[in-house]
Amino acid sequence: MAKKAVASLQSGEGRSYAKVIKMVKSPKSGAYIFQEEIVHNEKVKEHLAK
């Protein structure tokens, strides 16, 4: 499935988007979790600043 997702990002409009992986500390357990999102290239810094 991962190959399909990557292949869809390579064509046409998909190049203007980036996959952002952010490490966040869980308030419940205290462990770190990874949040993955696909964000437009112009809003990557804004997304990581949150």
N, C-alpha and C. Protein backbone atom coordinates (compact mmCIF):
# COMPACT_ATOMS: atom_id res chain seq x y z
N MET A 1 0.82 -1.20 0.00
CA MET A 1 0.00 0.00 0.00
C MET A 1 0.86 1.27 0.00
N ALA A 2 1.98 1.24 0.67
CA ALA A 2 2.83 2.42 0.73
C ALA A 2 3.32 2.80 -0.66
N LYS A 3 3.59 1.80 -1.50
CA LYS A 3 4.06 2.09 -2.84
C LYS A 3 2.99 2.83 -3.64
N LYS A 4 1.72 2.46 -3.44
CA LYS A 4 0.63 3.14 -4.14
C LYS A 4 0.55 4.61 -3.73
N ALA A 5 0.68 4.88 -2.43
CA ALA A 5 0.60 6.25 -1.93
C ALA A 5 1.74 7.10 -2.49
N VAL A 6 2.93 6.55 -2.52
CA VAL A 6 4.08 7.28 -3.03
C VAL A 6 3.93 7.53 -4.52
N ALA A 7 3.42 6.53 -5.24
CA ALA A 7 3.23 6.67 -6.69
C ALA A 7 2.22 7.77 -7.00
N SER A 8 1.19 7.91 -6.18
CA SER A 8 0.20 8.95 -6.43
C SER A 8 0.76 10.35 -6.16
N LEU A 9 1.77 10.45 -5.30
CA LEU A 9 2.37 11.75 -5.01
C LEU A 9 3.29 12.20 -6.15
N GLN A 10 3.75 11.29 -6.98
CA GLN A 10 4.71 11.61 -8.02
C GLN A 10 4.07 12.24 -9.26
N SER A 11 2.79 12.07 -9.47
CA SER A 11 2.17 12.53 -10.71
C SER A 11 1.51 13.90 -10.57
N GLY A 12 1.65 14.72 -11.57
CA GLY A 12 0.93 15.99 -11.69
C GLY A 12 0.94 16.88 -10.47
N GLU A 13 -0.24 17.10 -9.90
CA GLU A 13 -0.41 18.02 -8.78
C GLU A 13 0.24 17.53 -7.50
N GLY A 14 0.46 16.25 -7.38
CA GLY A 14 1.01 15.68 -6.16
C GLY A 14 2.38 16.23 -5.79
N ARG A 15 3.10 16.78 -6.74
CA ARG A 15 4.43 17.31 -6.43
C ARG A 15 4.38 18.57 -5.59
N SER A 16 3.23 19.18 -5.47
CA SER A 16 3.12 20.39 -4.66
C SER A 16 2.77 20.06 -3.20
N TYR A 17 2.79 18.78 -2.86
CA TYR A 17 2.48 18.35 -1.50
C TYR A 17 3.66 17.59 -0.91
N ALA A 18 3.76 17.62 0.41
CA ALA A 18 4.84 16.90 1.10
C ALA A 18 4.24 16.10 2.24
N LYS A 19 4.85 14.97 2.53
CA LYS A 19 4.43 14.16 3.67
C LYS A 19 5.22 14.62 4.87
N VAL A 20 4.53 15.08 5.91
CA VAL A 20 5.17 15.61 7.10
C VAL A 20 4.98 14.62 8.24
N ILE A 21 6.07 14.24 8.86
CA ILE A 21 6.03 13.33 10.01
C ILE A 21 6.49 14.12 11.23
N LYS A 22 5.62 14.22 12.22
CA LYS A 22 5.90 15.03 13.41
C LYS A 22 5.86 14.14 14.65
N MET A 23 6.86 14.28 15.52
CA MET A 23 6.91 13.51 16.76
C MET A 23 6.24 14.32 17.86
N VAL A 24 5.25 13.72 18.51
CA VAL A 24 4.47 14.41 19.54
C VAL A 24 4.44 13.55 20.80
N LYS A 25 4.58 14.18 21.94
CA LYS A 25 4.52 13.46 23.21
C LYS A 25 3.07 13.31 23.64
N SER A 26 2.66 12.10 23.92
CA SER A 26 1.29 11.81 24.33
C SER A 26 1.08 12.26 25.77
N PRO A 27 0.06 13.08 26.02
CA PRO A 27 -0.18 13.55 27.40
C PRO A 27 -0.67 12.42 28.31
N LYS A 28 -1.30 11.41 27.72
CA LYS A 28 -1.87 10.31 28.50
C LYS A 28 -0.80 9.35 29.02
N SER A 29 0.07 8.88 28.12
CA SER A 29 1.05 7.87 28.52
C SER A 29 2.47 8.42 28.67
N GLY A 30 2.74 9.59 28.10
CA GLY A 30 4.07 10.16 28.17
C GLY A 30 5.01 9.65 27.10
N ALA A 31 4.53 8.70 26.30
CA ALA A 31 5.36 8.14 25.23
C ALA A 31 5.26 9.04 24.00
N TYR A 32 6.25 8.94 23.13
CA TYR A 32 6.23 9.72 21.90
C TYR A 32 5.52 8.94 20.80
N ILE A 33 4.71 9.65 20.02
CA ILE A 33 4.02 9.06 18.88
C ILE A 33 4.33 9.89 17.64
N PHE A 34 4.17 9.28 16.49
CA PHE A 34 4.44 9.96 15.23
C PHE A 34 3.14 10.24 14.51
N GLN A 35 2.93 11.49 14.11
CA GLN A 35 1.75 11.89 13.34
C GLN A 35 2.18 12.17 11.92
N GLU A 36 1.52 11.52 10.96
CA GLU A 36 1.85 11.71 9.56
C GLU A 36 0.70 12.42 8.87
N GLU A 37 1.03 13.42 8.08
CA GLU A 37 0.03 14.16 7.32
C GLU A 37 0.62 14.58 5.98
N ILE A 38 -0.24 14.73 4.99
CA ILE A 38 0.19 15.25 3.70
C ILE A 38 -0.26 16.71 3.65
N VAL A 39 0.71 17.61 3.50
CA VAL A 39 0.48 19.05 3.60
C VAL A 39 1.02 19.73 2.34
N HIS A 40 0.38 20.81 1.94
CA HIS A 40 0.85 21.59 0.79
C HIS A 40 2.21 22.18 1.12
N ASN A 41 3.09 22.24 0.12
CA ASN A 41 4.47 22.69 0.34
C ASN A 41 4.54 24.07 0.99
N GLU A 42 3.62 24.96 0.67
CA GLU A 42 3.65 26.32 1.21
C GLU A 42 3.29 26.37 2.69
N LYS A 43 2.65 25.30 3.22
CA LYS A 43 2.19 25.33 4.60
C LYS A 43 2.96 24.38 5.51
N VAL A 44 4.09 23.87 5.05
CA VAL A 44 4.86 22.91 5.86
C VAL A 44 5.40 23.57 7.12
N LYS A 45 6.04 24.72 7.00
CA LYS A 45 6.61 25.39 8.18
C LYS A 45 5.52 25.76 9.17
N GLU A 46 4.37 26.22 8.66
CA GLU A 46 3.24 26.58 9.52
C GLU A 46 2.73 25.35 10.29
N HIS A 47 2.67 24.22 9.60
CA HIS A 47 2.20 22.98 10.24
C HIS A 47 3.16 22.51 11.32
N LEU A 48 4.46 22.61 11.07
CA LEU A 48 5.45 22.16 12.06
C LEU A 48 5.55 23.11 13.24
N ALA A 49 5.15 24.36 13.09
CA ALA A 49 5.21 25.33 14.18
C ALA A 49 4.14 25.08 15.23
N LYS A 50 3.11 24.35 14.90
CA LYS A 50 2.01 24.09 15.86
C LYS A 50 2.46 23.25 17.00
